Amino acid sequence: SPPMHPELLDWLAGELIQNGWSIKHLHRLIMNSDTYRASSLKTPDNSTGDPDGLLFSRFPSHRLEIEAIYDSMLTSIGKVPRQASGATLDTSKSKDRALYILTSSRSPLGMGIEIRKMFPLFGFDDSGRPMHRRDDSTTPAQSLWWLNNPLPHYYAGKLAEQLISRYPEIKERTRVLHETVLGRPPESAAEEAITSYARDSIESNHLSEVEAWTRICLGLYSSRTFRQLE
């Protein structure tokens, strides 16, 4: 379909030229706009005036690219530490990120095969062809991957071990877990669900504390909220 706001495109083109053809300037301009920073939440106002979201009155929620999903699991266990702004990037601190795995022949020890199984399931095409848009369809194979593949279990186990060792108090552990994986504190219902599941798993199903919290971490990893950009 033709552009709905050709005047806006002309204005952005002018901004690009006037600022020395700086793509960084254009990215910053767009990403600081109210439209780009809008929530994907439906409200009475944007649902009435823009029911299908075609006018971008709200953010079009969509699944993260698989590289970001994978890197988010890495980040949750501290494998992608923040580095000082302005300093030379130390790639040894983030060598297990998807970017470096996909552009080299190396993979994290023992997990390389499973990582390479993961990427095609979520729309990644390793043929090298230019793709303006990836396949973001949801399939049963993706759900089975979260349930059965050892890779998310491995990261969930590592996260569970860290949480148990650092946060003995259950309420604080739940809050930190929720903020680490989903980026926000839990609501009261979510907090109660997590603590109740952990308690029942240990007392009724006789799981160890690490096993119970590994399941909880895996549940959050496999949730729609973890995979969706909102």
Protein backbone atom coordinates (compact mmCIF):
# COMPACT_ATOMS: atom_id res chain seq x y z
CA SER A 1 0.00 0.00 0.00
CA PRO A 2 1.20 3.59 -0.58
CA PRO A 3 2.60 5.56 2.38
CA MET A 4 -0.08 7.15 4.53
CA HIS A 5 2.13 10.11 5.55
CA PRO A 6 4.26 11.14 2.54
CA GLU A 7 4.89 14.56 4.11
CA LEU A 8 6.48 12.87 7.12
CA LEU A 9 8.74 10.80 4.85
CA ASP A 10 9.80 13.98 3.02
CA TRP A 11 10.55 15.68 6.33
CA LEU A 12 12.63 12.72 7.55
CA ALA A 13 14.54 12.67 4.25
CA GLY A 14 15.30 16.37 4.74
CA GLU A 15 16.51 15.69 8.30
CA LEU A 16 18.81 12.95 7.01
CA ILE A 17 20.39 15.21 4.38
CA GLN A 18 20.70 18.26 6.65
CA ASN A 19 22.53 16.19 9.27
CA GLY A 20 25.23 14.83 6.98
CA TRP A 21 23.39 11.64 6.02
CA SER A 22 23.76 10.42 9.61
CA ILE A 23 21.71 7.26 10.08
CA LYS A 24 22.44 7.46 13.80
CA HIS A 25 20.80 10.89 13.94
CA LEU A 26 17.74 9.55 12.14
CA HIS A 27 17.51 6.52 14.44
CA ARG A 28 17.76 8.74 17.51
CA LEU A 29 15.10 11.10 16.16
CA ILE A 30 12.65 8.29 15.44
CA MET A 31 13.30 6.35 18.64
CA ASN A 32 12.77 9.45 20.81
CA SER A 33 9.41 10.21 19.23
CA ASP A 34 6.17 9.73 21.17
CA THR A 35 4.94 7.35 18.47
CA TYR A 36 7.93 5.02 18.74
CA ARG A 37 7.82 5.05 22.56
CA ALA A 38 4.09 4.37 22.76
CA SER A 39 2.84 1.36 24.74
CA SER A 40 1.13 -1.53 22.99
CA LEU A 41 -1.67 -1.34 25.58
CA LYS A 42 -5.15 -0.91 24.10
CA THR A 43 -7.11 2.00 25.58
CA PRO A 44 -10.66 3.26 24.88
CA ASP A 45 -9.18 6.20 22.94
CA ASN A 46 -6.86 4.33 20.60
CA SER A 47 -9.27 1.42 20.17
CA THR A 48 -12.05 3.76 19.04
CA GLY A 49 -10.02 5.96 16.71
CA ASP A 50 -7.60 3.31 15.47
CA PRO A 51 -9.05 -0.18 16.14
CA ASP A 52 -6.52 -2.03 13.96
CA GLY A 53 -3.49 0.03 14.96
CA LEU A 54 -2.83 1.14 11.38
CA LEU A 55 -2.28 4.75 12.44
CA PHE A 56 0.27 3.73 15.11
CA SER A 57 -1.74 5.16 17.98
CA ARG A 58 -0.21 2.28 19.98
CA PHE A 59 2.90 0.19 19.54
CA PRO A 60 2.43 -2.87 17.29
CA SER A 61 3.39 -5.68 19.64
CA HIS A 62 5.49 -8.38 17.98
CA ARG A 63 7.85 -11.20 18.83
CA LEU A 64 11.49 -10.40 19.41
CA GLU A 65 14.00 -11.71 16.90
CA ILE A 66 15.53 -14.96 18.01
CA GLU A 67 18.94 -13.36 18.57
CA ALA A 68 17.36 -11.06 21.18
CA ILE A 69 15.47 -13.94 22.83
CA TYR A 70 18.66 -15.96 23.12
CA ASP A 71 20.72 -12.98 24.34
CA SER A 72 18.05 -12.21 26.93
CA MET A 73 18.53 -15.66 28.48
CA LEU A 74 22.28 -15.08 28.49
CA THR A 75 21.84 -11.67 30.10
CA SER A 76 19.60 -13.06 32.83
CA ILE A 77 22.46 -15.21 34.19
CA GLY A 78 25.06 -12.43 33.87
CA LYS A 79 26.79 -13.69 30.72
CA VAL A 80 26.44 -10.35 28.90
CA PRO A 81 27.75 -7.76 31.38
CA ARG A 82 27.30 -4.04 30.79
CA GLN A 83 30.41 -2.29 29.52
CA ALA A 84 31.47 1.30 30.03
CA SER A 85 30.14 3.75 27.47
CA GLY A 86 32.82 5.23 25.22
CA ALA A 87 35.35 2.49 25.92
CA THR A 88 36.51 -0.08 23.37
CA LEU A 89 34.15 -3.07 23.33
CA ASP A 90 35.65 -6.13 24.99
CA THR A 91 34.14 -8.95 22.94
CA SER A 92 35.56 -11.57 25.31
CA LYS A 93 32.91 -10.50 27.83
CA SER A 94 30.08 -11.16 25.42
CA LYS A 95 31.55 -13.85 23.18
CA ASP A 96 28.55 -16.17 23.67
CA ARG A 97 26.05 -13.68 22.23
CA ALA A 98 24.12 -14.74 19.14
CA LEU A 99 25.89 -12.11 17.02
CA TYR A 100 29.27 -13.81 17.48
CA ILE A 101 27.97 -17.37 17.33
CA LEU A 102 26.29 -16.75 13.97
CA THR A 103 29.32 -15.02 12.43
CA SER A 104 31.93 -17.54 13.55
CA SER A 105 32.36 -21.28 13.71
CA ARG A 106 32.47 -21.37 17.51
CA SER A 107 29.67 -21.92 20.01
CA PRO A 108 29.45 -22.15 23.80
CA LEU A 109 30.99 -25.43 24.94
CA GLY A 110 28.47 -28.27 24.88
CA MET A 111 25.55 -26.13 23.69
CA GLY A 112 26.44 -25.31 20.09
CA ILE A 113 24.23 -27.95 18.48
CA GLU A 114 21.21 -26.98 20.58
CA ILE A 115 21.67 -23.27 19.83
CA ARG A 116 21.74 -23.94 16.11
CA LYS A 117 18.55 -26.00 16.43
CA MET A 118 16.85 -23.07 18.14
CA PHE A 119 17.39 -20.36 15.54
CA PRO A 120 15.51 -21.83 12.52
CA LEU A 121 12.50 -22.59 14.74
CA PHE A 122 11.94 -18.87 15.34
CA GLY A 123 12.26 -17.46 11.83
CA PHE A 124 16.04 -17.24 11.37
CA ASP A 125 17.25 -18.02 7.84
CA ASP A 126 20.92 -18.99 7.67
CA SER A 127 21.07 -18.98 3.87
CA GLY A 128 22.47 -15.44 3.82
CA ARG A 129 19.66 -14.05 1.65
CA PRO A 130 18.47 -10.50 2.42
CA MET A 131 15.18 -10.63 4.36
CA HIS A 132 13.16 -7.46 4.91
CA ARG A 133 10.84 -9.30 7.28
CA ARG A 134 11.19 -12.57 9.14
CA ASP A 135 8.59 -15.24 9.62
CA ASP A 136 7.09 -14.58 13.05
CA SER A 137 4.49 -17.34 13.02
CA THR A 138 3.84 -19.42 16.14
CA THR A 139 4.14 -23.19 15.76
CA PRO A 140 3.73 -26.26 18.03
CA ALA A 141 7.43 -27.04 17.48
CA GLN A 142 8.35 -23.82 19.31
CA SER A 143 6.31 -24.79 22.39
CA LEU A 144 7.82 -28.27 22.37
CA TRP A 145 11.28 -26.73 22.12
CA TRP A 146 10.74 -24.71 25.30
CA LEU A 147 9.44 -27.82 27.08
CA ASN A 148 11.99 -30.40 25.96
CA ASN A 149 15.19 -28.85 24.67
CA PRO A 150 18.14 -28.87 27.12
CA LEU A 151 19.23 -25.33 26.21
CA PRO A 152 16.49 -23.30 28.00
CA HIS A 153 16.60 -25.85 30.85
CA TYR A 154 20.33 -25.21 31.22
CA TYR A 155 19.92 -21.43 31.48
CA ALA A 156 16.88 -21.78 33.75
CA GLY A 157 18.92 -24.02 36.06
CA LYS A 158 21.81 -21.56 36.17
CA LEU A 159 19.44 -18.69 36.98
CA ALA A 160 17.71 -20.74 39.70
CA GLU A 161 21.03 -21.56 41.35
CA GLN A 162 22.06 -17.89 41.36
CA LEU A 163 18.74 -16.75 42.82
CA ILE A 164 18.75 -19.34 45.59
CA SER A 165 22.32 -18.55 46.63
CA ARG A 166 21.84 -14.76 46.60
CA TYR A 167 18.25 -14.34 47.81
CA PRO A 168 17.23 -16.74 50.61
CA GLU A 169 14.03 -14.78 51.27
CA ILE A 170 11.32 -16.08 48.92
CA LYS A 171 9.52 -12.79 48.34
CA GLU A 172 12.70 -10.97 47.37
CA ARG A 173 13.79 -13.88 45.17
CA THR A 174 10.46 -13.77 43.34
CA ARG A 175 10.74 -10.03 42.77
CA VAL A 176 14.31 -10.23 41.47
CA LEU A 177 13.45 -13.15 39.17
CA HIS A 178 10.45 -11.34 37.70
CA GLU A 179 12.44 -8.14 37.15
CA THR A 180 15.40 -10.03 35.66
CA VAL A 181 13.41 -12.06 33.13
CA LEU A 182 10.39 -9.85 32.37
CA GLY A 183 11.78 -6.40 33.16
CA ARG A 184 9.20 -5.38 35.76
CA PRO A 185 8.19 -6.28 39.33
CA PRO A 186 5.47 -8.92 39.71
CA GLU A 187 1.88 -8.02 40.43
CA SER A 188 0.42 -9.53 43.59
CA ALA A 189 -1.32 -12.35 41.68
CA ALA A 190 1.88 -13.33 39.85
CA GLU A 191 3.89 -13.19 43.08
CA GLU A 192 1.39 -15.45 44.83
CA ALA A 193 1.34 -17.90 41.91
CA ILE A 194 5.14 -18.20 41.86
CA THR A 195 5.54 -18.65 45.61
CA SER A 196 2.66 -21.14 45.79
CA TYR A 197 4.08 -23.19 42.92
CA ALA A 198 7.53 -23.26 44.53
CA ARG A 199 6.08 -24.34 47.88
CA ASP A 200 3.85 -27.05 46.37
CA SER A 201 6.64 -28.40 44.16
CA ILE A 202 8.92 -28.85 47.17
CA GLU A 203 6.37 -30.03 49.75
CA SER A 204 3.95 -32.07 47.62
CA ASN A 205 6.03 -33.19 44.62
CA HIS A 206 9.25 -33.59 46.63
CA LEU A 207 11.38 -31.61 44.21
CA SER A 208 14.59 -30.01 45.38
CA GLU A 209 14.63 -26.24 45.75
CA VAL A 210 16.81 -25.90 42.64
CA GLU A 211 14.49 -28.13 40.59
CA ALA A 212 11.40 -26.19 41.67
CA TRP A 213 12.90 -22.80 40.84
CA THR A 214 14.35 -24.12 37.58
CA ARG A 215 10.80 -24.92 36.50
CA ILE A 216 9.66 -21.44 37.48
CA CYS A 217 12.51 -19.80 35.56
CA LEU A 218 11.73 -21.97 32.53
CA GLY A 219 8.06 -20.99 32.76
CA LEU A 220 8.96 -17.30 32.62
CA TYR A 221 11.43 -17.86 29.76
CA SER A 222 8.74 -19.62 27.73
CA SER A 223 6.06 -17.01 28.45
CA ARG A 224 4.67 -14.72 25.78
CA THR A 225 5.73 -11.68 27.81
CA PHE A 226 9.40 -12.73 27.63
CA ARG A 227 9.29 -13.15 23.86
CA GLN A 228 7.08 -10.19 22.91
CA LEU A 229 8.17 -6.58 22.47
CA GLU A 230 5.47 -4.38 23.98
